[in-house]
Structure formats: C-alpha cells, structure tokens
Amino acid sequence: MSILLLLIPAALLLGLLGMACFIWALNSGQFDDPETAASRILFDDADAALRERKQP
C-alpha cells in the first residue's frame, strides 16, 4: 500500500511533463503543416528531372 505513495505522484508528474511537452510543441509550430512533410515522399521531383533534360 505504501508503494502508492510513490506511484501516484510519479504518474502525475509524468502526465504533467507530457502535457507540458505537448503544449510546447503546439506553441512552437510543430503541428502547423502536417501534410507537406508526410506527402513529400509520395511524389518524385518531376520538375527537377524535366529541367535537367532541357538543359543543353
């Protein structure tokens, strides 16, 4: 039963730390544009390939 005196504050501390990290990430712009980086790998850079072919 005495282990609860250690585990409950530890769980609360870890929860608050996680919430603080999440709020920091929101305020620093980590979630501003989630689509661009995720879809960048799906497309080739076709424009760069065309530019290389057109150069003499």
N, C-alpha and C. Protein backbone atom coordinates (compact mmCIF):
# COMPACT_ATOMS: atom_id res chain seq x y z
N MET A 1 0.82 -1.20 0.00
CA MET A 1 0.00 0.00 0.00
C MET A 1 0.86 1.26 0.00
N SER A 2 2.03 1.17 0.62
CA SER A 2 2.89 2.36 0.68
C SER A 2 3.51 2.68 -0.67
N ILE A 3 3.52 1.72 -1.60
CA ILE A 3 4.06 1.98 -2.93
C ILE A 3 3.19 2.98 -3.68
N LEU A 4 1.90 3.04 -3.33
CA LEU A 4 1.01 4.02 -3.97
C LEU A 4 1.43 5.45 -3.65
N LEU A 5 2.05 5.66 -2.50
CA LEU A 5 2.53 6.99 -2.16
C LEU A 5 3.66 7.44 -3.08
N LEU A 6 4.30 6.51 -3.72
CA LEU A 6 5.36 6.83 -4.68
C LEU A 6 4.82 6.83 -6.12
N LEU A 7 3.95 5.88 -6.44
CA LEU A 7 3.50 5.74 -7.82
C LEU A 7 2.52 6.83 -8.25
N ILE A 8 1.64 7.26 -7.38
CA ILE A 8 0.65 8.28 -7.76
C ILE A 8 1.34 9.61 -8.08
N PRO A 9 2.23 10.13 -7.23
CA PRO A 9 2.92 11.37 -7.61
C PRO A 9 3.80 11.21 -8.86
N ALA A 10 4.42 10.04 -9.02
CA ALA A 10 5.24 9.81 -10.21
C ALA A 10 4.37 9.83 -11.47
N ALA A 11 3.20 9.22 -11.42
CA ALA A 11 2.30 9.22 -12.57
C ALA A 11 1.80 10.63 -12.87
N LEU A 12 1.48 11.39 -11.84
CA LEU A 12 1.04 12.77 -12.05
C LEU A 12 2.15 13.62 -12.63
N LEU A 13 3.36 13.43 -12.15
CA LEU A 13 4.50 14.18 -12.66
C LEU A 13 4.75 13.86 -14.14
N LEU A 14 4.71 12.59 -14.50
CA LEU A 14 4.92 12.21 -15.89
C LEU A 14 3.79 12.73 -16.79
N GLY A 15 2.58 12.71 -16.29
CA GLY A 15 1.45 13.25 -17.05
C GLY A 15 1.60 14.74 -17.29
N LEU A 16 1.99 15.47 -16.26
CA LEU A 16 2.20 16.91 -16.41
C LEU A 16 3.37 17.22 -17.34
N LEU A 17 4.40 16.41 -17.27
CA LEU A 17 5.54 16.58 -18.16
C LEU A 17 5.14 16.34 -19.62
N GLY A 18 4.35 15.32 -19.86
CA GLY A 18 3.86 15.06 -21.21
C GLY A 18 2.97 16.17 -21.73
N MET A 19 2.11 16.69 -20.85
CA MET A 19 1.24 17.79 -21.26
C MET A 19 2.05 19.05 -21.55
N ALA A 20 3.06 19.30 -20.76
CA ALA A 20 3.92 20.47 -20.98
C ALA A 20 4.66 20.35 -22.31
N CYS A 21 5.15 19.16 -22.63
CA CYS A 21 5.83 18.95 -23.91
C CYS A 21 4.86 19.12 -25.08
N PHE A 22 3.64 18.66 -24.93
CA PHE A 22 2.65 18.81 -25.99
C PHE A 22 2.29 20.28 -26.20
N ILE A 23 2.11 21.02 -25.13
CA ILE A 23 1.79 22.44 -25.24
C ILE A 23 2.97 23.20 -25.86
N TRP A 24 4.20 22.83 -25.47
CA TRP A 24 5.37 23.46 -26.08
C TRP A 24 5.40 23.20 -27.59
N ALA A 25 5.08 21.97 -28.01
CA ALA A 25 5.08 21.63 -29.43
C ALA A 25 4.01 22.41 -30.18
N LEU A 26 2.86 22.61 -29.57
CA LEU A 26 1.82 23.41 -30.20
C LEU A 26 2.26 24.85 -30.38
N ASN A 27 2.85 25.42 -29.35
CA ASN A 27 3.26 26.82 -29.40
C ASN A 27 4.47 27.06 -30.30
N SER A 28 5.30 26.05 -30.51
CA SER A 28 6.48 26.24 -31.34
C SER A 28 6.23 25.93 -32.81
N GLY A 29 5.00 25.54 -33.16
CA GLY A 29 4.65 25.34 -34.56
C GLY A 29 4.94 23.96 -35.10
N GLN A 30 5.05 22.97 -34.26
CA GLN A 30 5.35 21.62 -34.72
C GLN A 30 4.21 21.01 -35.52
N PHE A 31 2.98 21.45 -35.31
CA PHE A 31 1.82 20.86 -35.97
C PHE A 31 1.17 21.82 -36.96
N ASP A 32 1.92 22.82 -37.45
CA ASP A 32 1.33 23.80 -38.35
C ASP A 32 0.99 23.21 -39.72
N ASP A 33 1.86 22.40 -40.28
CA ASP A 33 1.63 21.85 -41.61
C ASP A 33 1.99 20.37 -41.62
N PRO A 34 1.08 19.51 -41.15
CA PRO A 34 1.42 18.08 -41.09
C PRO A 34 1.34 17.37 -42.44
N GLU A 35 0.72 17.97 -43.44
CA GLU A 35 0.50 17.29 -44.71
C GLU A 35 1.72 17.34 -45.63
N THR A 36 2.45 18.43 -45.65
CA THR A 36 3.52 18.60 -46.62
C THR A 36 4.63 17.58 -46.43
N ALA A 37 5.14 17.45 -45.23
CA ALA A 37 6.24 16.53 -44.99
C ALA A 37 5.81 15.08 -45.19
N ALA A 38 4.57 14.77 -44.86
CA ALA A 38 4.10 13.39 -44.99
C ALA A 38 3.88 13.00 -46.45
N SER A 39 3.47 13.93 -47.28
CA SER A 39 3.20 13.58 -48.67
C SER A 39 4.38 13.85 -49.58
N ARG A 40 5.44 14.45 -49.08
CA ARG A 40 6.60 14.75 -49.91
C ARG A 40 7.25 13.48 -50.44
N ILE A 41 7.24 12.43 -49.67
CA ILE A 41 7.89 11.19 -50.10
C ILE A 41 7.09 10.46 -51.19
N LEU A 42 5.82 10.79 -51.33
CA LEU A 42 4.98 10.10 -52.30
C LEU A 42 5.21 10.58 -53.73
N PHE A 43 5.77 11.77 -53.89
CA PHE A 43 5.90 12.36 -55.21
C PHE A 43 7.37 12.53 -55.57
N ASP A 44 7.70 12.21 -56.82
CA ASP A 44 9.03 12.46 -57.33
C ASP A 44 9.16 13.94 -57.65
N ASP A 45 10.37 14.39 -57.72
CA ASP A 45 10.58 15.77 -58.12
C ASP A 45 10.65 15.81 -59.64
N ALA A 46 9.50 15.71 -60.27
CA ALA A 46 9.41 15.63 -61.72
C ALA A 46 9.88 16.92 -62.37
N ASP A 47 9.65 18.05 -61.73
CA ASP A 47 10.08 19.32 -62.30
C ASP A 47 11.59 19.39 -62.41
N ALA A 48 12.31 18.91 -61.43
CA ALA A 48 13.77 18.92 -61.48
C ALA A 48 14.27 18.00 -62.58
N ALA A 49 13.63 16.86 -62.78
CA ALA A 49 14.03 15.95 -63.84
C ALA A 49 13.81 16.58 -65.21
N LEU A 50 12.72 17.30 -65.38
CA LEU A 50 12.46 17.97 -66.67
C LEU A 50 13.45 19.09 -66.91
N ARG A 51 13.82 19.82 -65.88
CA ARG A 51 14.79 20.90 -66.04
C ARG A 51 16.15 20.35 -66.45
N GLU A 52 16.54 19.21 -65.89
CA GLU A 52 17.82 18.62 -66.26
C GLU A 52 17.83 18.16 -67.72
N ARG A 53 16.72 17.66 -68.20
CA ARG A 53 16.65 17.19 -69.59
C ARG A 53 16.69 18.35 -70.57
N LYS A 54 16.11 19.50 -70.23
CA LYS A 54 16.03 20.64 -71.13
C LYS A 54 17.33 21.39 -71.23
N GLN A 55 18.21 21.27 -70.26
CA GLN A 55 19.47 21.99 -70.30
C GLN A 55 20.38 21.39 -71.36
N PRO A 56 21.06 22.25 -72.16
CA PRO A 56 21.95 21.73 -73.21
C PRO A 56 23.23 21.12 -72.66
